Amino acid sequence: MLEHYLFKQLAFVRDQVLQAVEEVSEEKADQIPDGFRNSIRWQMGHIYVVMERYAFQYMELPLHLPQGFKEQFEYKTSPLTRPAGIVVPTLSELKMLLGRQIERIQSELGDRLHDNVTPYTTSAGMRLESLEQFLSFNLYHEGMHLSVIKIYKVLLSK
């Protein structure tokens, strides 16, 4: 199977995320900068959950979500309102999941990029109708959260 350029781009952006969190401590990962409602750990979990949804949910396939991920990392969640009893993943667990996700998606779905899916309109107003469109839109989504991680690191270092 010829590698589609999109997977190279997804892997590049994901590597940027993993590099950005490389030196973040468990303690720093949970700090929420003043005026914000999420942490670096939340950003990492959210990136993972949304990519799972974009790759699998709209293809009507099962998502690979560890227990508690949907409740703590989905859109509009926050560590400030996390349900009691939810197990919070360690940074190494999140890094492992993020590090393997793109390759797993490519392996499982790489030959289905042009499949039509259940159409979805994002919160930003973009209508997505194929797996390729979802994965391409993920570059924008993940890039936004990468920027937030970088901003949080600066704010938390002061």
N, C-alpha and C. Protein backbone atom coordinates (compact mmCIF):
# COMPACT_ATOMS: atom_id res chain seq x y z
N MET A 1 0.84 -1.18 0.00
CA MET A 1 0.00 0.00 0.00
C MET A 1 0.89 1.25 0.00
N LEU A 2 0.62 2.13 -0.90
CA LEU A 2 1.36 3.38 -0.99
C LEU A 2 0.94 4.28 0.17
N GLU A 3 1.92 4.87 0.84
CA GLU A 3 1.58 5.73 1.97
C GLU A 3 1.00 7.04 1.49
N HIS A 4 -0.15 7.38 2.01
CA HIS A 4 -0.82 8.62 1.66
C HIS A 4 -0.14 9.78 2.40
N TYR A 5 0.04 10.90 1.72
CA TYR A 5 0.70 12.06 2.32
C TYR A 5 0.05 12.48 3.63
N LEU A 6 -1.25 12.26 3.75
CA LEU A 6 -1.98 12.70 4.95
C LEU A 6 -1.42 12.04 6.21
N PHE A 7 -1.02 10.78 6.11
CA PHE A 7 -0.49 10.09 7.30
C PHE A 7 0.88 10.65 7.69
N LYS A 8 1.65 11.10 6.71
CA LYS A 8 2.93 11.75 7.02
C LYS A 8 2.67 13.06 7.76
N GLN A 9 1.67 13.81 7.33
CA GLN A 9 1.33 15.07 7.99
C GLN A 9 0.80 14.82 9.40
N LEU A 10 -0.08 13.84 9.53
CA LEU A 10 -0.61 13.51 10.86
C LEU A 10 0.51 13.10 11.81
N ALA A 11 1.44 12.27 11.32
CA ALA A 11 2.56 11.82 12.14
C ALA A 11 3.46 13.01 12.51
N PHE A 12 3.67 13.92 11.58
CA PHE A 12 4.49 15.10 11.85
C PHE A 12 3.89 15.95 12.97
N VAL A 13 2.60 16.24 12.87
CA VAL A 13 1.94 17.06 13.89
C VAL A 13 1.95 16.33 15.23
N ARG A 14 1.69 15.03 15.20
CA ARG A 14 1.69 14.26 16.45
C ARG A 14 3.07 14.27 17.10
N ASP A 15 4.11 14.15 16.28
CA ASP A 15 5.48 14.22 16.82
C ASP A 15 5.73 15.58 17.48
N GLN A 16 5.19 16.63 16.90
CA GLN A 16 5.33 17.98 17.48
C GLN A 16 4.66 18.04 18.85
N VAL A 17 3.49 17.42 18.98
CA VAL A 17 2.80 17.37 20.27
C VAL A 17 3.64 16.62 21.28
N LEU A 18 4.14 15.46 20.89
CA LEU A 18 4.93 14.64 21.81
C LEU A 18 6.23 15.34 22.23
N GLN A 19 6.84 16.06 21.31
CA GLN A 19 8.04 16.83 21.65
C GLN A 19 7.69 17.96 22.63
N ALA A 20 6.55 18.59 22.44
CA ALA A 20 6.15 19.72 23.29
C ALA A 20 5.91 19.29 24.73
N VAL A 21 5.50 18.04 24.93
CA VAL A 21 5.19 17.57 26.30
C VAL A 21 6.32 16.73 26.89
N GLU A 22 7.41 16.59 26.18
CA GLU A 22 8.51 15.71 26.59
C GLU A 22 9.01 16.02 28.00
N GLU A 23 9.23 17.28 28.31
CA GLU A 23 9.81 17.66 29.60
C GLU A 23 8.77 18.08 30.64
N VAL A 24 7.50 17.90 30.35
CA VAL A 24 6.44 18.31 31.28
C VAL A 24 6.33 17.26 32.40
N SER A 25 6.31 17.73 33.64
CA SER A 25 6.19 16.82 34.79
C SER A 25 4.72 16.48 35.05
N GLU A 26 4.50 15.41 35.80
CA GLU A 26 3.13 15.03 36.17
C GLU A 26 2.44 16.19 36.88
N GLU A 27 3.16 16.87 37.76
CA GLU A 27 2.59 17.99 38.51
C GLU A 27 2.22 19.14 37.58
N LYS A 28 3.15 19.50 36.70
CA LYS A 28 2.93 20.61 35.76
C LYS A 28 1.79 20.28 34.79
N ALA A 29 1.66 19.01 34.45
CA ALA A 29 0.63 18.59 33.49
C ALA A 29 -0.79 18.85 34.00
N ASP A 30 -0.94 18.96 35.33
CA ASP A 30 -2.27 19.15 35.91
C ASP A 30 -2.56 20.59 36.31
N GLN A 31 -1.58 21.46 36.20
CA GLN A 31 -1.80 22.86 36.56
C GLN A 31 -2.62 23.54 35.46
N ILE A 32 -3.55 24.36 35.88
CA ILE A 32 -4.40 25.09 34.95
C ILE A 32 -4.03 26.57 35.06
N PRO A 33 -3.54 27.15 33.96
CA PRO A 33 -3.18 28.57 34.01
C PRO A 33 -4.39 29.45 34.35
N ASP A 34 -4.14 30.55 35.03
CA ASP A 34 -5.21 31.49 35.37
C ASP A 34 -5.98 31.89 34.12
N GLY A 35 -7.29 31.87 34.25
CA GLY A 35 -8.15 32.27 33.14
C GLY A 35 -8.52 31.16 32.19
N PHE A 36 -7.98 29.95 32.41
CA PHE A 36 -8.27 28.81 31.55
C PHE A 36 -9.01 27.74 32.35
N ARG A 37 -9.51 26.72 31.66
CA ARG A 37 -10.26 25.67 32.36
C ARG A 37 -9.69 24.27 32.13
N ASN A 38 -8.57 24.17 31.42
CA ASN A 38 -7.98 22.86 31.16
C ASN A 38 -6.48 22.88 31.40
N SER A 39 -5.91 21.69 31.44
CA SER A 39 -4.50 21.49 31.72
C SER A 39 -3.80 20.88 30.51
N ILE A 40 -2.50 20.75 30.59
CA ILE A 40 -1.74 20.08 29.53
C ILE A 40 -2.18 18.62 29.43
N ARG A 41 -2.39 17.95 30.56
CA ARG A 41 -2.85 16.55 30.52
C ARG A 41 -4.19 16.46 29.78
N TRP A 42 -5.08 17.41 30.07
CA TRP A 42 -6.38 17.40 29.38
C TRP A 42 -6.18 17.60 27.88
N GLN A 43 -5.30 18.51 27.49
CA GLN A 43 -5.05 18.76 26.06
C GLN A 43 -4.61 17.46 25.38
N MET A 44 -3.71 16.73 26.03
CA MET A 44 -3.20 15.47 25.46
C MET A 44 -4.33 14.44 25.32
N GLY A 45 -5.11 14.27 26.37
CA GLY A 45 -6.21 13.31 26.32
C GLY A 45 -7.25 13.72 25.30
N HIS A 46 -7.51 15.00 25.21
CA HIS A 46 -8.50 15.51 24.26
C HIS A 46 -8.06 15.26 22.82
N ILE A 47 -6.80 15.52 22.52
CA ILE A 47 -6.27 15.24 21.18
C ILE A 47 -6.49 13.77 20.83
N TYR A 48 -6.21 12.89 21.77
CA TYR A 48 -6.38 11.45 21.53
C TYR A 48 -7.85 11.10 21.28
N VAL A 49 -8.75 11.58 22.15
CA VAL A 49 -10.17 11.23 22.04
C VAL A 49 -10.77 11.74 20.73
N VAL A 50 -10.47 12.98 20.38
CA VAL A 50 -11.05 13.55 19.16
C VAL A 50 -10.54 12.80 17.92
N MET A 51 -9.26 12.45 17.89
CA MET A 51 -8.74 11.68 16.75
C MET A 51 -9.42 10.32 16.65
N GLU A 52 -9.66 9.68 17.78
CA GLU A 52 -10.39 8.40 17.76
C GLU A 52 -11.78 8.59 17.16
N ARG A 53 -12.45 9.64 17.60
CA ARG A 53 -13.79 9.91 17.10
C ARG A 53 -13.75 10.19 15.61
N TYR A 54 -12.83 11.05 15.18
CA TYR A 54 -12.74 11.39 13.77
C TYR A 54 -12.42 10.16 12.91
N ALA A 55 -11.56 9.29 13.39
CA ALA A 55 -11.14 8.13 12.59
C ALA A 55 -12.17 7.01 12.60
N PHE A 56 -12.79 6.76 13.74
CA PHE A 56 -13.60 5.55 13.86
C PHE A 56 -15.10 5.77 14.03
N GLN A 57 -15.51 6.75 14.82
CA GLN A 57 -16.93 6.90 15.14
C GLN A 57 -17.79 7.10 13.90
N TYR A 58 -17.36 7.96 13.01
CA TYR A 58 -18.18 8.29 11.84
C TYR A 58 -18.08 7.24 10.75
N MET A 59 -17.13 6.30 10.92
CA MET A 59 -17.05 5.11 10.06
C MET A 59 -17.90 3.98 10.67
N GLU A 60 -18.52 4.29 11.81
CA GLU A 60 -19.34 3.33 12.56
C GLU A 60 -18.52 2.12 12.98
N LEU A 61 -17.30 2.41 13.47
CA LEU A 61 -16.38 1.39 13.98
C LEU A 61 -16.13 1.67 15.46
N PRO A 62 -15.74 0.64 16.21
CA PRO A 62 -15.47 0.86 17.64
C PRO A 62 -14.26 1.75 17.87
N LEU A 63 -14.36 2.61 18.87
CA LEU A 63 -13.27 3.49 19.25
C LEU A 63 -12.36 2.76 20.24
N HIS A 64 -11.09 3.07 20.24
CA HIS A 64 -10.12 2.50 21.17
C HIS A 64 -9.92 3.50 22.31
N LEU A 65 -10.89 3.56 23.21
CA LEU A 65 -10.82 4.52 24.30
C LEU A 65 -10.70 3.81 25.64
N PRO A 66 -9.62 4.06 26.37
CA PRO A 66 -9.53 3.52 27.72
C PRO A 66 -10.70 4.03 28.58
N GLN A 67 -11.05 3.25 29.59
CA GLN A 67 -12.15 3.62 30.47
C GLN A 67 -11.92 5.01 31.06
N GLY A 68 -12.97 5.82 31.03
CA GLY A 68 -12.92 7.16 31.61
C GLY A 68 -12.46 8.26 30.67
N PHE A 69 -11.92 7.90 29.51
CA PHE A 69 -11.40 8.93 28.61
C PHE A 69 -12.50 9.84 28.08
N LYS A 70 -13.62 9.26 27.66
CA LYS A 70 -14.71 10.07 27.11
C LYS A 70 -15.21 11.07 28.16
N GLU A 71 -15.35 10.61 29.41
CA GLU A 71 -15.87 11.46 30.48
C GLU A 71 -14.93 12.60 30.86
N GLN A 72 -13.62 12.40 30.69
CA GLN A 72 -12.70 13.46 31.13
C GLN A 72 -12.03 14.24 30.02
N PHE A 73 -12.11 13.78 28.77
CA PHE A 73 -11.37 14.47 27.71
C PHE A 73 -12.22 14.90 26.52
N GLU A 74 -13.49 14.58 26.52
CA GLU A 74 -14.34 14.94 25.39
C GLU A 74 -14.57 16.45 25.37
N TYR A 75 -15.05 16.94 24.24
CA TYR A 75 -15.39 18.36 24.05
C TYR A 75 -16.25 18.86 25.21
N LYS A 76 -15.92 20.02 25.73
CA LYS A 76 -16.63 20.70 26.82
C LYS A 76 -16.41 20.07 28.20
N THR A 77 -15.47 19.13 28.32
CA THR A 77 -15.12 18.62 29.65
C THR A 77 -13.97 19.45 30.21
N SER A 78 -13.71 19.26 31.49
CA SER A 78 -12.62 19.98 32.15
C SER A 78 -12.20 19.21 33.39
N PRO A 79 -10.90 19.28 33.74
CA PRO A 79 -10.48 18.67 35.01
C PRO A 79 -11.22 19.29 36.20
N LEU A 80 -11.71 20.51 36.03
CA LEU A 80 -12.43 21.19 37.11
C LEU A 80 -13.78 20.55 37.39
N THR A 81 -14.31 19.82 36.40
CA THR A 81 -15.63 19.19 36.56
C THR A 81 -15.57 17.68 36.33
N ARG A 82 -14.40 17.09 36.47
CA ARG A 82 -14.22 15.66 36.24
C ARG A 82 -15.08 14.87 37.23
N PRO A 83 -15.82 13.88 36.74
CA PRO A 83 -16.62 13.05 37.65
C PRO A 83 -15.73 12.31 38.66
N ALA A 84 -16.22 12.15 39.86
CA ALA A 84 -15.47 11.43 40.90
C ALA A 84 -15.25 9.98 40.47
N GLY A 85 -14.12 9.43 40.89
CA GLY A 85 -13.84 8.02 40.63
C GLY A 85 -13.24 7.72 39.28
N ILE A 86 -13.05 8.71 38.45
CA ILE A 86 -12.44 8.51 37.12
C ILE A 86 -10.93 8.37 37.31
N VAL A 87 -10.36 7.34 36.69
CA VAL A 87 -8.92 7.13 36.76
C VAL A 87 -8.24 8.06 35.76
N VAL A 88 -7.33 8.88 36.25
CA VAL A 88 -6.60 9.84 35.40
C VAL A 88 -5.35 9.13 34.87
N PRO A 89 -5.16 9.12 33.55
CA PRO A 89 -3.99 8.46 32.98
C PRO A 89 -2.70 9.21 33.29
N THR A 90 -1.62 8.46 33.43
CA THR A 90 -0.31 9.09 33.62
C THR A 90 0.15 9.70 32.30
N LEU A 91 1.15 10.57 32.38
CA LEU A 91 1.70 11.14 31.15
C LEU A 91 2.30 10.06 30.26
N SER A 92 2.96 9.08 30.86
CA SER A 92 3.55 8.03 30.03
C SER A 92 2.46 7.22 29.32
N GLU A 93 1.32 6.99 29.97
CA GLU A 93 0.21 6.30 29.29
C GLU A 93 -0.31 7.14 28.13
N LEU A 94 -0.49 8.43 28.37
CA LEU A 94 -0.98 9.30 27.30
C LEU A 94 0.02 9.36 26.14
N LYS A 95 1.30 9.49 26.46
CA LYS A 95 2.32 9.54 25.41
C LYS A 95 2.33 8.25 24.60
N MET A 96 2.18 7.11 25.27
CA MET A 96 2.16 5.83 24.56
C MET A 96 0.96 5.76 23.62
N LEU A 97 -0.22 6.13 24.13
CA LEU A 97 -1.43 6.10 23.30
C LEU A 97 -1.30 7.05 22.11
N LEU A 98 -0.84 8.27 22.38
CA LEU A 98 -0.67 9.24 21.30
C LEU A 98 0.38 8.78 20.30
N GLY A 99 1.45 8.17 20.80
CA GLY A 99 2.54 7.72 19.94
C GLY A 99 2.17 6.60 19.00
N ARG A 100 1.20 5.80 19.37
CA ARG A 100 0.81 4.65 18.54
C ARG A 100 -0.44 4.89 17.69
N GLN A 101 -1.17 5.95 17.99
CA GLN A 101 -2.49 6.15 17.38
C GLN A 101 -2.46 6.32 15.87
N ILE A 102 -1.58 7.15 15.35
CA ILE A 102 -1.57 7.43 13.90
C ILE A 102 -1.24 6.16 13.11
N GLU A 103 -0.22 5.43 13.56
CA GLU A 103 0.16 4.20 12.87
C GLU A 103 -0.99 3.17 12.91
N ARG A 104 -1.68 3.09 14.04
CA ARG A 104 -2.81 2.16 14.17
C ARG A 104 -3.93 2.55 13.21
N ILE A 105 -4.23 3.84 13.13
CA ILE A 105 -5.28 4.31 12.22
C ILE A 105 -4.89 4.03 10.78
N GLN A 106 -3.63 4.29 10.44
CA GLN A 106 -3.17 4.02 9.08
C GLN A 106 -3.28 2.53 8.76
N SER A 107 -2.88 1.70 9.70
CA SER A 107 -2.92 0.26 9.49
C SER A 107 -4.36 -0.24 9.32
N GLU A 108 -5.27 0.26 10.14
CA GLU A 108 -6.65 -0.22 10.10
C GLU A 108 -7.50 0.43 9.02
N LEU A 109 -7.21 1.68 8.68
CA LEU A 109 -8.11 2.43 7.80
C LEU A 109 -7.43 3.07 6.59
N GLY A 110 -6.14 2.83 6.41
CA GLY A 110 -5.38 3.49 5.36
C GLY A 110 -5.93 3.31 3.96
N ASP A 111 -6.61 2.20 3.71
CA ASP A 111 -7.16 1.95 2.38
C ASP A 111 -8.62 2.38 2.27
N ARG A 112 -9.11 3.10 3.28
CA ARG A 112 -10.53 3.51 3.29
C ARG A 112 -10.70 5.03 3.35
N LEU A 113 -9.66 5.77 2.98
CA LEU A 113 -9.70 7.23 3.10
C LEU A 113 -10.87 7.88 2.35
N HIS A 114 -11.27 7.29 1.25
CA HIS A 114 -12.31 7.90 0.43
C HIS A 114 -13.70 7.36 0.73
N ASP A 115 -13.79 6.47 1.71
CA ASP A 115 -15.10 5.96 2.11
C ASP A 115 -15.97 7.11 2.60
N ASN A 116 -17.23 7.08 2.21
CA ASN A 116 -18.17 8.05 2.76
C ASN A 116 -18.51 7.64 4.18
N VAL A 117 -18.77 8.62 5.00
CA VAL A 117 -19.07 8.37 6.41
C VAL A 117 -20.35 9.11 6.76
N THR A 118 -20.82 8.90 7.97
CA THR A 118 -21.94 9.68 8.47
C THR A 118 -21.49 11.14 8.50
N PRO A 119 -22.11 12.02 7.72
CA PRO A 119 -21.67 13.42 7.67
C PRO A 119 -21.76 14.07 9.05
N TYR A 120 -20.85 15.02 9.28
CA TYR A 120 -20.76 15.70 10.56
C TYR A 120 -20.34 17.13 10.31
N THR A 121 -20.95 18.06 11.02
CA THR A 121 -20.54 19.45 10.96
C THR A 121 -19.85 19.78 12.28
N THR A 122 -18.59 20.22 12.21
CA THR A 122 -17.80 20.50 13.39
C THR A 122 -18.33 21.74 14.12
N SER A 123 -17.86 21.94 15.34
CA SER A 123 -18.25 23.12 16.11
C SER A 123 -17.78 24.41 15.42
N ALA A 124 -16.78 24.29 14.55
CA ALA A 124 -16.28 25.44 13.79
C ALA A 124 -17.09 25.66 12.50
N GLY A 125 -18.04 24.74 12.21
CA GLY A 125 -18.92 24.91 11.05
C GLY A 125 -18.47 24.20 9.79
N MET A 126 -17.45 23.35 9.87
CA MET A 126 -16.96 22.62 8.69
C MET A 126 -17.70 21.30 8.55
N ARG A 127 -18.25 21.04 7.35
CA ARG A 127 -18.96 19.77 7.11
C ARG A 127 -17.95 18.74 6.59
N LEU A 128 -17.92 17.58 7.23
CA LEU A 128 -17.00 16.51 6.87
C LEU A 128 -17.81 15.31 6.41
N GLU A 129 -17.38 14.71 5.26
CA GLU A 129 -18.18 13.64 4.66
C GLU A 129 -17.39 12.40 4.28
N SER A 130 -16.07 12.40 4.50
CA SER A 130 -15.26 11.20 4.22
C SER A 130 -14.19 11.08 5.29
N LEU A 131 -13.64 9.89 5.42
CA LEU A 131 -12.58 9.69 6.40
C LEU A 131 -11.41 10.64 6.11
N GLU A 132 -11.06 10.81 4.84
CA GLU A 132 -9.97 11.72 4.48
C GLU A 132 -10.25 13.14 4.96
N GLN A 133 -11.48 13.60 4.83
CA GLN A 133 -11.83 14.94 5.30
C GLN A 133 -11.71 15.04 6.82
N PHE A 134 -12.14 14.00 7.53
CA PHE A 134 -12.01 14.01 8.99
C PHE A 134 -10.55 14.06 9.42
N LEU A 135 -9.73 13.23 8.81
CA LEU A 135 -8.32 13.18 9.20
C LEU A 135 -7.60 14.47 8.82
N SER A 136 -7.97 15.03 7.68
CA SER A 136 -7.39 16.30 7.27
C SER A 136 -7.80 17.41 8.24
N PHE A 137 -9.05 17.44 8.64
CA PHE A 137 -9.52 18.45 9.60
C PHE A 137 -8.81 18.28 10.94
N ASN A 138 -8.44 17.05 11.27
CA ASN A 138 -7.74 16.81 12.53
C ASN A 138 -6.42 17.57 12.59
N LEU A 139 -5.78 17.81 11.45
CA LEU A 139 -4.54 18.59 11.43
C LEU A 139 -4.78 19.98 12.03
N TYR A 140 -5.90 20.58 11.68
CA TYR A 140 -6.28 21.89 12.21
C TYR A 140 -6.56 21.78 13.71
N HIS A 141 -7.37 20.80 14.08
CA HIS A 141 -7.75 20.62 15.49
C HIS A 141 -6.52 20.37 16.37
N GLU A 142 -5.69 19.45 15.96
CA GLU A 142 -4.52 19.10 16.77
C GLU A 142 -3.52 20.25 16.81
N GLY A 143 -3.39 20.98 15.71
CA GLY A 143 -2.51 22.14 15.69
C GLY A 143 -2.96 23.22 16.66
N MET A 144 -4.28 23.42 16.77
CA MET A 144 -4.79 24.39 17.75
C MET A 144 -4.41 23.97 19.17
N HIS A 145 -4.58 22.69 19.48
CA HIS A 145 -4.29 22.22 20.84
C HIS A 145 -2.78 22.18 21.11
N LEU A 146 -1.98 21.94 20.09
CA LEU A 146 -0.52 22.02 20.23
C LEU A 146 -0.14 23.45 20.63
N SER A 147 -0.75 24.43 19.98
CA SER A 147 -0.48 25.82 20.31
C SER A 147 -0.87 26.13 21.76
N VAL A 148 -1.99 25.61 22.20
CA VAL A 148 -2.43 25.82 23.58
C VAL A 148 -1.43 25.20 24.55
N ILE A 149 -0.95 23.99 24.26
CA ILE A 149 0.05 23.35 25.12
C ILE A 149 1.28 24.25 25.24
N LYS A 150 1.74 24.79 24.12
CA LYS A 150 2.92 25.66 24.14
C LYS A 150 2.66 26.93 24.96
N ILE A 151 1.47 27.49 24.84
CA ILE A 151 1.11 28.68 25.62
C ILE A 151 1.06 28.34 27.10
N TYR A 152 0.45 27.22 27.45
CA TYR A 152 0.36 26.80 28.85
C TYR A 152 1.76 26.63 29.44
N LYS A 153 2.66 26.04 28.68
CA LYS A 153 4.03 25.84 29.19
C LYS A 153 4.68 27.18 29.54
N VAL A 154 4.48 28.18 28.71
CA VAL A 154 5.04 29.51 28.99
C VAL A 154 4.37 30.11 30.22
N LEU A 155 3.06 30.06 30.27
CA LEU A 155 2.33 30.65 31.39
C LEU A 155 2.68 29.96 32.72
N LEU A 156 2.86 28.65 32.68
CA LEU A 156 3.12 27.89 33.90
C LEU A 156 4.59 27.99 34.35
N SER A 157 5.44 28.51 33.49
CA SER A 157 6.85 28.64 33.86
C SER A 157 7.15 29.97 34.55
N LYS A 158 6.17 30.84 34.61
CA LYS A 158 6.36 32.18 35.21
C LYS A 158 6.22 32.12 36.72
